[in-house]
Amino acid sequence: LNEFLLLAFADKWELQLLHFSLFLGIYLAALLGNGLIITVVACDHRLHTPMYFFLLNLSLLDLGTISNTVPKSMANSLRDTRAISYSGCAAQIFSFLFLLAAEYYLLTVMAYDRYVAICRPLHYGTIMGSRACVKMAAAAWASGFLNALLHTANTFSIPLCQGNILEQFFCEIPQTLKLSCSDSYLREVGLLVVSACLAFGCFIFIVLSYVQIFTAVLRMPSEHGRHKAFSMCLPHLAVVSLFVSTGSFAYLKPSSLSSPALDLVLAMLYAVVPPTVNPLIYSMRNKELKEALKK
């Protein structure tokens, strides 16, 4: 195989132009939102805290995720083509998995940060020191890199002989495995299950953290304190719920439920929507961030 053919959103030039315009609007919104958060957190010394340090890392990952998939699809629409090279497809799968896994591990670290801030506030400065935060963020990025390297190498070591058409607007593992011509694809399915179990462990950690957080919040005597705690935690919980539910269903759903329309909707929900709406979700209930953005 020299190249793969991605999903075409439309055959007519006018509809391709509409697709380009919609994706351009989404991409610019994601660039603006995440770029503003990165700039504000980096420049405002009052936001140099663990919570905003992790939020800056999340915005960097979101920018990388949407830049990995959307521009190529936009370029294909303008050039009236569906092609992506074999090496380009491998690079896209690797970088997408790297950024996606790193973001999920970072969301787990952010849940731990919220837990320490609310349930162990007197020890927060000791536990979440600058060195510890850097190590946690680095561990999330490194884990994502190793996860992507393992899956990409294993996927592209499998013989592919069922054509070269991918029913998706970017390269992803489930669509690539459909082109496999031997039972060796079961090896990658096994790796996906192992990764899913690890992801489920992280999800259980997040859920248990929030059970303890909400228990502690409801015991607070001050209504202002409860409001502040909820404004810290609810945006993160919303982002995690959207990210985990759509991503898990996309990668673990049975083949009997697979259809081009459903796969496309799921891909939009876990690859395009979160990077675009995350800045809005995090800034909507965050007074400090809104004040810094005004300045």
C-alpha atoms as a PDB file:
ATOM      1  CA  LEU A   1       0.000   0.000   0.000  1.00  0.00           C
ATOM      2  CA  ASN A   2       1.265   3.432  -0.945  1.00  0.00           C
ATOM      3  CA  GLU A   3      -1.721   5.401   0.275  1.00  0.00           C
ATOM      4  CA  PHE A   4      -5.136   5.208   1.926  1.00  0.00           C
ATOM      5  CA  LEU A   5      -8.392   6.847   0.862  1.00  0.00           C
ATOM      6  CA  LEU A   6     -10.214   8.727   3.619  1.00  0.00           C
ATOM      7  CA  LEU A   7     -13.940   9.328   3.921  1.00  0.00           C
ATOM      8  CA  ALA A   8     -15.281  11.971   1.542  1.00  0.00           C
ATOM      9  CA  PHE A   9     -17.916  14.200   3.134  1.00  0.00           C
ATOM     10  CA  ALA A  10     -19.433  15.119  -0.229  1.00  0.00           C
ATOM     11  CA  ASP A  11     -19.007  14.674  -3.986  1.00  0.00           C
ATOM     12  CA  LYS A  12     -20.103  18.142  -5.093  1.00  0.00           C
ATOM     13  CA  TRP A  13     -17.691  21.078  -4.922  1.00  0.00           C
ATOM     14  CA  GLU A  14     -20.236  23.311  -3.160  1.00  0.00           C
ATOM     15  CA  LEU A  15     -20.723  20.764  -0.356  1.00  0.00           C
ATOM     16  CA  GLN A  16     -16.970  20.247  -0.080  1.00  0.00           C
ATOM     17  CA  LEU A  17     -16.589  23.998   0.324  1.00  0.00           C
ATOM     18  CA  LEU A  18     -19.272  23.936   3.029  1.00  0.00           C
ATOM     19  CA  HIS A  19     -17.402  21.147   4.819  1.00  0.00           C
ATOM     20  CA  PHE A  20     -14.193  23.173   4.593  1.00  0.00           C
ATOM     21  CA  SER A  21     -15.916  26.269   5.996  1.00  0.00           C
ATOM     22  CA  LEU A  22     -17.483  24.382   8.921  1.00  0.00           C
ATOM     23  CA  PHE A  23     -14.208  22.690   9.849  1.00  0.00           C
ATOM     24  CA  LEU A  24     -12.359  25.988   9.478  1.00  0.00           C
ATOM     25  CA  GLY A  25     -14.765  27.650  11.916  1.00  0.00           C
ATOM     26  CA  ILE A  26     -14.371  24.805  14.421  1.00  0.00           C
ATOM     27  CA  TYR A  27     -10.586  24.822  14.058  1.00  0.00           C
ATOM     28  CA  LEU A  28     -10.292  28.589  14.508  1.00  0.00           C
ATOM     29  CA  ALA A  29     -12.555  28.430  17.584  1.00  0.00           C
ATOM     30  CA  ALA A  30     -10.328  25.722  19.097  1.00  0.00           C
ATOM     31  CA  LEU A  31      -7.166  27.685  18.272  1.00  0.00           C
ATOM     32  CA  LEU A  32      -8.595  30.861  19.805  1.00  0.00           C
ATOM     33  CA  GLY A  33      -9.959  29.244  22.975  1.00  0.00           C
ATOM     34  CA  ASN A  34      -6.946  27.086  23.766  1.00  0.00           C
ATOM     35  CA  GLY A  35      -4.498  29.791  22.665  1.00  0.00           C
ATOM     36  CA  LEU A  36      -6.099  32.302  25.034  1.00  0.00           C
ATOM     37  CA  ILE A  37      -5.886  29.877  27.974  1.00  0.00           C
ATOM     38  CA  ILE A  38      -2.222  29.074  27.228  1.00  0.00           C
ATOM     39  CA  THR A  39      -1.353  32.774  26.923  1.00  0.00           C
ATOM     40  CA  VAL A  40      -3.261  33.873  30.031  1.00  0.00           C
ATOM     41  CA  VAL A  41      -1.912  31.087  32.259  1.00  0.00           C
ATOM     42  CA  ALA A  42       1.649  31.661  31.032  1.00  0.00           C
ATOM     43  CA  CYS A  43       1.544  35.445  31.440  1.00  0.00           C
ATOM     44  CA  ASP A  44      -0.505  35.966  34.623  1.00  0.00           C
ATOM     45  CA  HIS A  45       1.650  35.121  37.662  1.00  0.00           C
ATOM     46  CA  ARG A  46      -1.473  34.700  39.821  1.00  0.00           C
ATOM     47  CA  LEU A  47      -2.401  31.663  37.725  1.00  0.00           C
ATOM     48  CA  HIS A  48       0.925  29.921  38.300  1.00  0.00           C
ATOM     49  CA  THR A  49      -0.712  27.232  40.440  1.00  0.00           C
ATOM     50  CA  PRO A  50      -0.960  23.443  39.942  1.00  0.00           C
ATOM     51  CA  MET A  51      -4.562  23.601  38.685  1.00  0.00           C
ATOM     52  CA  TYR A  52      -3.755  26.116  35.951  1.00  0.00           C
ATOM     53  CA  PHE A  53      -0.455  24.407  35.123  1.00  0.00           C
ATOM     54  CA  PHE A  54      -2.387  21.234  34.305  1.00  0.00           C
ATOM     55  CA  LEU A  55      -4.990  23.266  32.420  1.00  0.00           C
ATOM     56  CA  LEU A  56      -2.204  24.755  30.274  1.00  0.00           C
ATOM     57  CA  ASN A  57      -0.978  21.226  29.477  1.00  0.00           C
ATOM     58  CA  LEU A  58      -4.540  20.182  28.617  1.00  0.00           C
ATOM     59  CA  SER A  59      -4.882  23.104  26.189  1.00  0.00           C
ATOM     60  CA  LEU A  60      -1.592  22.155  24.516  1.00  0.00           C
ATOM     61  CA  LEU A  61      -2.840  18.588  24.053  1.00  0.00           C
ATOM     62  CA  ASP A  62      -6.191  19.816  22.738  1.00  0.00           C
ATOM     63  CA  LEU A  63      -4.445  22.029  20.183  1.00  0.00           C
ATOM     64  CA  GLY A  64      -2.328  19.096  19.056  1.00  0.00           C
ATOM     65  CA  THR A  65      -5.308  16.732  18.820  1.00  0.00           C
ATOM     66  CA  ILE A  66      -7.451  18.947  16.614  1.00  0.00           C
ATOM     67  CA  SER A  67      -4.456  20.075  14.521  1.00  0.00           C
ATOM     68  CA  ASN A  68      -3.658  16.433  13.822  1.00  0.00           C
ATOM     69  CA  THR A  69      -6.988  15.610  12.151  1.00  0.00           C
ATOM     70  CA  VAL A  70      -8.958  18.655  10.996  1.00  0.00           C
ATOM     71  CA  PRO A  71      -6.420  20.500   8.736  1.00  0.00           C
ATOM     72  CA  LYS A  72      -5.772  17.390   6.610  1.00  0.00           C
ATOM     73  CA  SER A  73      -9.500  16.879   6.094  1.00  0.00           C
ATOM     74  CA  MET A  74      -9.885  20.563   5.171  1.00  0.00           C
ATOM     75  CA  ALA A  75      -6.984  20.362   2.695  1.00  0.00           C
ATOM     76  CA  ASN A  76      -8.478  17.252   1.062  1.00  0.00           C
ATOM     77  CA  SER A  77     -11.797  19.054   0.584  1.00  0.00           C
ATOM     78  CA  LEU A  78     -10.112  22.018  -1.090  1.00  0.00           C
ATOM     79  CA  ARG A  79      -7.986  19.794  -3.332  1.00  0.00           C
ATOM     80  CA  ASP A  80     -10.919  17.459  -4.114  1.00  0.00           C
ATOM     81  CA  THR A  81      -9.005  14.370  -3.028  1.00  0.00           C
ATOM     82  CA  ARG A  82      -9.305  11.644  -0.401  1.00  0.00           C
ATOM     83  CA  ALA A  83      -5.716  10.398  -0.376  1.00  0.00           C
ATOM     84  CA  ILE A  84      -3.286  10.213   2.534  1.00  0.00           C
ATOM     85  CA  SER A  85       0.093   8.511   2.193  1.00  0.00           C
ATOM     86  CA  TYR A  86       0.923   5.297   4.042  1.00  0.00           C
ATOM     87  CA  SER A  87       3.567   7.028   6.167  1.00  0.00           C
ATOM     88  CA  GLY A  88       1.239  10.008   6.696  1.00  0.00           C
ATOM     89  CA  CYS A  89      -1.476   7.685   7.956  1.00  0.00           C
ATOM     90  CA  ALA A  90       0.942   5.957  10.348  1.00  0.00           C
ATOM     91  CA  ALA A  91       2.156   9.336  11.624  1.00  0.00           C
ATOM     92  CA  GLN A  92      -1.421  10.538  12.097  1.00  0.00           C
ATOM     93  CA  ILE A  93      -2.408   7.431  14.061  1.00  0.00           C
ATOM     94  CA  PHE A  94       0.710   7.690  16.238  1.00  0.00           C
ATOM     95  CA  SER A  95       0.327  11.385  17.034  1.00  0.00           C
ATOM     96  CA  PHE A  96      -3.438  11.071  17.582  1.00  0.00           C
ATOM     97  CA  LEU A  97      -3.063   8.168  20.018  1.00  0.00           C
ATOM     98  CA  PHE A  98      -0.170   9.934  21.758  1.00  0.00           C
ATOM     99  CA  LEU A  99      -2.167  13.115  22.337  1.00  0.00           C
ATOM    100  CA  LEU A 100      -5.403  11.290  23.187  1.00  0.00           C
ATOM    101  CA  ALA A 101      -3.791   8.969  25.756  1.00  0.00           C
ATOM    102  CA  ALA A 102      -1.710  11.774  27.283  1.00  0.00           C
ATOM    103  CA  GLU A 103      -4.860  13.889  27.654  1.00  0.00           C
ATOM    104  CA  TYR A 104      -6.697  11.075  29.429  1.00  0.00           C
ATOM    105  CA  TYR A 105      -3.833  10.468  31.846  1.00  0.00           C
ATOM    106  CA  LEU A 106      -3.619  14.219  32.437  1.00  0.00           C
ATOM    107  CA  LEU A 107      -7.344  14.332  33.252  1.00  0.00           C
ATOM    108  CA  THR A 108      -6.676  11.602  35.839  1.00  0.00           C
ATOM    109  CA  VAL A 109      -3.885  13.703  37.359  1.00  0.00           C
ATOM    110  CA  MET A 110      -6.224  16.719  37.408  1.00  0.00           C
ATOM    111  CA  ALA A 111      -8.789  14.688  39.354  1.00  0.00           C
ATOM    112  CA  TYR A 112      -6.094  13.901  41.930  1.00  0.00           C
ATOM    113  CA  ASP A 113      -5.221  17.608  42.112  1.00  0.00           C
ATOM    114  CA  ARG A 114      -8.878  18.464  42.838  1.00  0.00           C
ATOM    115  CA  TYR A 115      -9.027  15.732  45.483  1.00  0.00           C
ATOM    116  CA  VAL A 116      -5.963  17.013  47.323  1.00  0.00           C
ATOM    117  CA  ALA A 117      -7.142  20.651  47.083  1.00  0.00           C
ATOM    118  CA  ILE A 118     -10.542  19.921  48.644  1.00  0.00           C
ATOM    119  CA  CYS A 119     -10.042  16.862  50.846  1.00  0.00           C
ATOM    120  CA  ARG A 120      -6.496  17.597  52.108  1.00  0.00           C
ATOM    121  CA  PRO A 121      -6.127  21.375  51.816  1.00  0.00           C
ATOM    122  CA  LEU A 122      -3.553  21.714  54.628  1.00  0.00           C
ATOM    123  CA  HIS A 123      -1.177  19.356  52.798  1.00  0.00           C
ATOM    124  CA  TYR A 124      -1.843  20.754  49.315  1.00  0.00           C
ATOM    125  CA  GLY A 125       1.335  22.854  49.111  1.00  0.00           C
ATOM    126  CA  THR A 126       3.469  19.886  50.175  1.00  0.00           C
ATOM    127  CA  ILE A 127       1.870  17.217  47.992  1.00  0.00           C
ATOM    128  CA  MET A 128       1.357  19.356  44.883  1.00  0.00           C
ATOM    129  CA  GLY A 129       4.685  21.171  44.828  1.00  0.00           C
ATOM    130  CA  SER A 130       6.082  22.481  41.552  1.00  0.00           C
ATOM    131  CA  ARG A 131       8.454  19.545  41.137  1.00  0.00           C
ATOM    132  CA  ALA A 132       5.682  17.007  41.793  1.00  0.00           C
ATOM    133  CA  CYS A 133       3.382  18.725  39.260  1.00  0.00           C
ATOM    134  CA  VAL A 134       6.075  18.672  36.570  1.00  0.00           C
ATOM    135  CA  LYS A 135       6.720  14.962  37.228  1.00  0.00           C
ATOM    136  CA  MET A 136       2.993  14.137  37.007  1.00  0.00           C
ATOM    137  CA  ALA A 137       2.574  16.055  33.747  1.00  0.00           C
ATOM    138  CA  ALA A 138       5.728  14.464  32.303  1.00  0.00           C
ATOM    139  CA  ALA A 139       4.455  11.003  33.303  1.00  0.00           C
ATOM    140  CA  ALA A 140       1.166  11.675  31.468  1.00  0.00           C
ATOM    141  CA  TRP A 141       2.989  12.772  28.284  1.00  0.00           C
ATOM    142  CA  ALA A 142       5.471   9.856  28.474  1.00  0.00           C
ATOM    143  CA  SER A 143       2.705   7.287  29.064  1.00  0.00           C
ATOM    144  CA  GLY A 144       0.817   8.621  26.056  1.00  0.00           C
ATOM    145  CA  PHE A 145       3.959   8.366  23.915  1.00  0.00           C
ATOM    146  CA  LEU A 146       4.632   4.733  24.902  1.00  0.00           C
ATOM    147  CA  ASN A 147       0.980   3.795  24.398  1.00  0.00           C
ATOM    148  CA  ALA A 148       0.955   5.316  20.901  1.00  0.00           C
ATOM    149  CA  LEU A 149       4.270   3.733  19.942  1.00  0.00           C
ATOM    150  CA  LEU A 150       3.092   0.271  20.972  1.00  0.00           C
ATOM    151  CA  HIS A 151      -0.273   0.453  19.164  1.00  0.00           C
ATOM    152  CA  THR A 152       1.036   2.079  15.987  1.00  0.00           C
ATOM    153  CA  ALA A 153       3.916  -0.372  15.583  1.00  0.00           C
ATOM    154  CA  ASN A 154       1.613  -3.324  16.193  1.00  0.00           C
ATOM    155  CA  THR A 155      -1.151  -2.087  13.854  1.00  0.00           C
ATOM    156  CA  PHE A 156       1.161  -1.456  10.905  1.00  0.00           C
ATOM    157  CA  SER A 157       2.924  -4.796  11.342  1.00  0.00           C
ATOM    158  CA  ILE A 158      -0.356  -6.508  10.414  1.00  0.00           C
ATOM    159  CA  PRO A 159      -0.812  -7.435   6.719  1.00  0.00           C
ATOM    160  CA  LEU A 160      -3.477  -5.267   5.086  1.00  0.00           C
ATOM    161  CA  CYS A 161      -5.117  -6.658   1.971  1.00  0.00           C
ATOM    162  CA  GLN A 162      -8.784  -5.635   2.136  1.00  0.00           C
ATOM    163  CA  GLY A 163      -8.289  -2.558  -0.029  1.00  0.00           C
ATOM    164  CA  ASN A 164      -7.180   0.891   1.097  1.00  0.00           C
ATOM    165  CA  ILE A 165     -10.466   2.684   1.869  1.00  0.00           C
ATOM    166  CA  LEU A 166     -10.889   4.003   5.424  1.00  0.00           C
ATOM    167  CA  GLU A 167     -14.462   4.936   6.349  1.00  0.00           C
ATOM    168  CA  GLN A 168     -13.320   7.889   8.472  1.00  0.00           C
ATOM    169  CA  PHE A 169     -12.101  11.448   7.828  1.00  0.00           C
ATOM    170  CA  PHE A 170      -8.772  10.647   9.526  1.00  0.00           C
ATOM    171  CA  CYS A 171      -6.687   7.533  10.138  1.00  0.00           C
ATOM    172  CA  GLU A 172      -7.626   5.576  13.236  1.00  0.00           C
ATOM    173  CA  ILE A 173      -6.945   2.033  14.430  1.00  0.00           C
ATOM    174  CA  PRO A 174     -10.486   0.524  14.286  1.00  0.00           C
ATOM    175  CA  GLN A 175     -10.849   1.495  10.610  1.00  0.00           C
ATOM    176  CA  THR A 176      -7.333   0.290   9.755  1.00  0.00           C
ATOM    177  CA  LEU A 177      -7.966  -3.105  11.373  1.00  0.00           C
ATOM    178  CA  LYS A 178     -10.936  -3.624   9.039  1.00  0.00           C
ATOM    179  CA  LEU A 179      -8.411  -3.894   6.189  1.00  0.00           C
ATOM    180  CA  SER A 180      -6.568  -6.787   7.849  1.00  0.00           C
ATOM    181  CA  CYS A 181      -6.485 -10.059   5.935  1.00  0.00           C
ATOM    182  CA  SER A 182      -5.371 -12.439   8.694  1.00  0.00           C
ATOM    183  CA  ASP A 183      -6.114 -13.344  12.297  1.00  0.00           C
ATOM    184  CA  SER A 184      -3.069 -11.342  13.381  1.00  0.00           C
ATOM    185  CA  TYR A 185      -5.418  -8.380  13.935  1.00  0.00           C
ATOM    186  CA  LEU A 186      -6.524 -10.169  17.124  1.00  0.00           C
ATOM    187  CA  ARG A 187      -3.155  -9.198  18.619  1.00  0.00           C
ATOM    188  CA  GLU A 188      -4.020  -5.518  18.254  1.00  0.00           C
ATOM    189  CA  VAL A 189      -7.533  -6.165  19.564  1.00  0.00           C
ATOM    190  CA  GLY A 190      -5.912  -7.732  22.629  1.00  0.00           C
ATOM    191  CA  LEU A 191      -3.728  -4.654  23.090  1.00  0.00           C
ATOM    192  CA  LEU A 192      -6.787  -2.424  22.785  1.00  0.00           C
ATOM    193  CA  VAL A 193      -8.518  -4.453  25.501  1.00  0.00           C
ATOM    194  CA  VAL A 194      -5.460  -4.121  27.778  1.00  0.00           C
ATOM    195  CA  SER A 195      -5.392  -0.370  27.165  1.00  0.00           C
ATOM    196  CA  ALA A 196      -9.130  -0.221  27.847  1.00  0.00           C
ATOM    197  CA  CYS A 197      -8.621  -1.992  31.182  1.00  0.00           C
ATOM    198  CA  LEU A 198      -5.915   0.524  32.100  1.00  0.00           C
ATOM    199  CA  ALA A 199      -8.199   3.373  31.053  1.00  0.00           C
ATOM    200  CA  PHE A 200     -11.015   1.835  33.106  1.00  0.00           C
ATOM    201  CA  GLY A 201      -8.691   1.753  36.129  1.00  0.00           C
ATOM    202  CA  CYS A 202      -8.013   5.470  35.662  1.00  0.00           C
ATOM    203  CA  PHE A 203     -11.748   6.080  35.328  1.00  0.00           C
ATOM    204  CA  ILE A 204     -12.441   4.235  38.597  1.00  0.00           C
ATOM    205  CA  PHE A 205      -9.747   6.379  40.263  1.00  0.00           C
ATOM    206  CA  ILE A 206     -11.452   9.534  38.934  1.00  0.00           C
ATOM    207  CA  VAL A 207     -14.886   8.367  40.125  1.00  0.00           C
ATOM    208  CA  LEU A 208     -13.624   7.458  43.606  1.00  0.00           C
ATOM    209  CA  SER A 209     -11.826  10.814  43.829  1.00  0.00           C
ATOM    210  CA  TYR A 210     -15.025  12.665  43.020  1.00  0.00           C
ATOM    211  CA  VAL A 211     -17.089  10.605  45.442  1.00  0.00           C
ATOM    212  CA  GLN A 212     -14.763  11.753  48.240  1.00  0.00           C
ATOM    213  CA  ILE A 213     -14.678  15.313  46.847  1.00  0.00           C
ATOM    214  CA  PHE A 214     -18.463  15.683  46.778  1.00  0.00           C
ATOM    215  CA  THR A 215     -18.752  14.101  50.213  1.00  0.00           C
ATOM    216  CA  ALA A 216     -16.316  16.694  51.574  1.00  0.00           C
ATOM    217  CA  VAL A 217     -18.013  19.556  49.696  1.00  0.00           C
ATOM    218  CA  LEU A 218     -21.480  18.727  51.030  1.00  0.00           C
ATOM    219  CA  ARG A 219     -20.112  18.864  54.573  1.00  0.00           C
ATOM    220  CA  MET A 220     -18.828  22.408  54.116  1.00  0.00           C
ATOM    221  CA  PRO A 221     -20.738  24.876  56.323  1.00  0.00           C
ATOM    222  CA  SER A 222     -20.130  27.823  53.976  1.00  0.00           C
ATOM    223  CA  GLU A 223     -22.346  28.133  50.901  1.00  0.00           C
ATOM    224  CA  HIS A 224     -19.643  30.227  49.213  1.00  0.00           C
ATOM    225  CA  GLY A 225     -17.111  27.443  49.840  1.00  0.00           C
ATOM    226  CA  ARG A 226     -19.422  24.844  48.327  1.00  0.00           C
ATOM    227  CA  HIS A 227     -20.047  27.023  45.282  1.00  0.00           C
ATOM    228  CA  LYS A 228     -16.316  27.574  44.747  1.00  0.00           C
ATOM    229  CA  ALA A 229     -15.570  23.852  45.108  1.00  0.00           C
ATOM    230  CA  PHE A 230     -18.280  22.888  42.630  1.00  0.00           C
ATOM    231  CA  SER A 231     -17.078  25.521  40.140  1.00  0.00           C
ATOM    232  CA  MET A 232     -13.622  23.892  40.329  1.00  0.00           C
ATOM    233  CA  CYS A 233     -14.817  20.315  39.901  1.00  0.00           C
ATOM    234  CA  LEU A 234     -17.906  20.281  37.652  1.00  0.00           C
ATOM    235  CA  PRO A 235     -16.111  21.498  34.468  1.00  0.00           C
ATOM    236  CA  HIS A 236     -13.463  18.797  34.861  1.00  0.00           C
ATOM    237  CA  LEU A 237     -16.128  16.145  35.452  1.00  0.00           C
ATOM    238  CA  ALA A 238     -18.029  17.263  32.327  1.00  0.00           C
ATOM    239  CA  VAL A 239     -14.878  17.053  30.180  1.00  0.00           C
ATOM    240  CA  VAL A 240     -13.990  13.602  31.533  1.00  0.00           C
ATOM    241  CA  SER A 241     -17.521  12.254  30.966  1.00  0.00           C
ATOM    242  CA  LEU A 242     -17.670  13.398  27.327  1.00  0.00           C
ATOM    243  CA  PHE A 243     -14.138  12.233  26.574  1.00  0.00           C
ATOM    244  CA  VAL A 244     -14.423   8.774  28.177  1.00  0.00           C
ATOM    245  CA  SER A 245     -17.938   7.863  27.018  1.00  0.00           C
ATOM    246  CA  THR A 246     -17.446   8.695  23.325  1.00  0.00           C
ATOM    247  CA  GLY A 247     -13.849   7.431  23.073  1.00  0.00           C
ATOM    248  CA  SER A 248     -14.611   4.124  24.803  1.00  0.00           C
ATOM    249  CA  PHE A 249     -17.672   3.444  22.668  1.00  0.00           C
ATOM    250  CA  ALA A 250     -15.774   4.291  19.467  1.00  0.00           C
ATOM    251  CA  TYR A 251     -12.936   1.855  20.185  1.00  0.00           C
ATOM    252  CA  LEU A 252     -14.767  -0.941  22.044  1.00  0.00           C
ATOM    253  CA  LYS A 253     -18.193  -1.139  20.358  1.00  0.00           C
ATOM    254  CA  PRO A 254     -19.018  -4.488  18.694  1.00  0.00           C
ATOM    255  CA  SER A 255     -18.618  -4.642  14.928  1.00  0.00           C
ATOM    256  CA  SER A 256     -22.357  -5.303  14.545  1.00  0.00           C
ATOM    257  CA  LEU A 257     -23.028  -1.725  15.686  1.00  0.00           C
ATOM    258  CA  SER A 258     -20.513  -0.201  13.309  1.00  0.00           C
ATOM    259  CA  SER A 259     -21.766   2.012  10.499  1.00  0.00           C
ATOM    260  CA  PRO A 260     -20.104   4.894   8.598  1.00  0.00           C
ATOM    261  CA  ALA A 261     -22.575   7.457   9.993  1.00  0.00           C
ATOM    262  CA  LEU A 262     -22.192   6.302  13.613  1.00  0.00           C
ATOM    263  CA  ASP A 263     -18.400   6.075  13.342  1.00  0.00           C
ATOM    264  CA  LEU A 264     -18.284   9.606  11.939  1.00  0.00           C
ATOM    265  CA  VAL A 265     -20.463  11.045  14.724  1.00  0.00           C
ATOM    266  CA  LEU A 266     -18.403   9.308  17.416  1.00  0.00           C
ATOM    267  CA  ALA A 267     -15.151  10.535  15.883  1.00  0.00           C
ATOM    268  CA  MET A 268     -16.463  14.099  15.905  1.00  0.00           C
ATOM    269  CA  LEU A 269     -17.538  13.731  19.546  1.00  0.00           C
ATOM    270  CA  TYR A 270     -14.201  12.471  20.890  1.00  0.00           C
ATOM    271  CA  ALA A 271     -11.698  14.011  18.430  1.00  0.00           C
ATOM    272  CA  VAL A 272     -13.144  17.393  17.428  1.00  0.00           C
ATOM    273  CA  VAL A 273     -15.736  18.528  19.989  1.00  0.00           C
ATOM    274  CA  PRO A 274     -13.664  18.244  23.235  1.00  0.00           C
ATOM    275  CA  PRO A 275     -10.699  20.389  22.026  1.00  0.00           C
ATOM    276  CA  THR A 276     -13.196  23.031  20.888  1.00  0.00           C
ATOM    277  CA  VAL A 277     -15.475  23.161  23.936  1.00  0.00           C
ATOM    278  CA  ASN A 278     -12.918  22.481  26.705  1.00  0.00           C
ATOM    279  CA  PRO A 279     -11.775  26.137  26.900  1.00  0.00           C
ATOM    280  CA  LEU A 280     -15.407  27.258  27.120  1.00  0.00           C
ATOM    281  CA  ILE A 281     -16.266  24.691  29.806  1.00  0.00           C
ATOM    282  CA  TYR A 282     -13.261  25.585  31.941  1.00  0.00           C
ATOM    283  CA  SER A 283     -13.628  29.354  31.626  1.00  0.00           C
ATOM    284  CA  MET A 284     -17.425  29.543  32.018  1.00  0.00           C
ATOM    285  CA  ARG A 285     -17.480  28.954  35.798  1.00  0.00           C
ATOM    286  CA  ASN A 286     -13.939  30.091  36.605  1.00  0.00           C
ATOM    287  CA  LYS A 287     -13.875  33.617  38.018  1.00  0.00           C
ATOM    288  CA  GLU A 288     -10.059  33.885  38.161  1.00  0.00           C
ATOM    289  CA  LEU A 289      -9.670  32.832  34.544  1.00  0.00           C
ATOM    290  CA  LYS A 290     -12.392  35.205  33.349  1.00  0.00           C
ATOM    291  CA  GLU A 291     -10.764  38.132  35.176  1.00  0.00           C
ATOM    292  CA  ALA A 292      -7.369  37.277  33.704  1.00  0.00           C
ATOM    293  CA  LEU A 293      -8.907  37.037  30.206  1.00  0.00           C
ATOM    294  CA  LYS A 294     -10.487  40.501  30.604  1.00  0.00           C
ATOM    295  CA  LYS A 295      -7.088  41.955  31.485  1.00  0.00           C
END
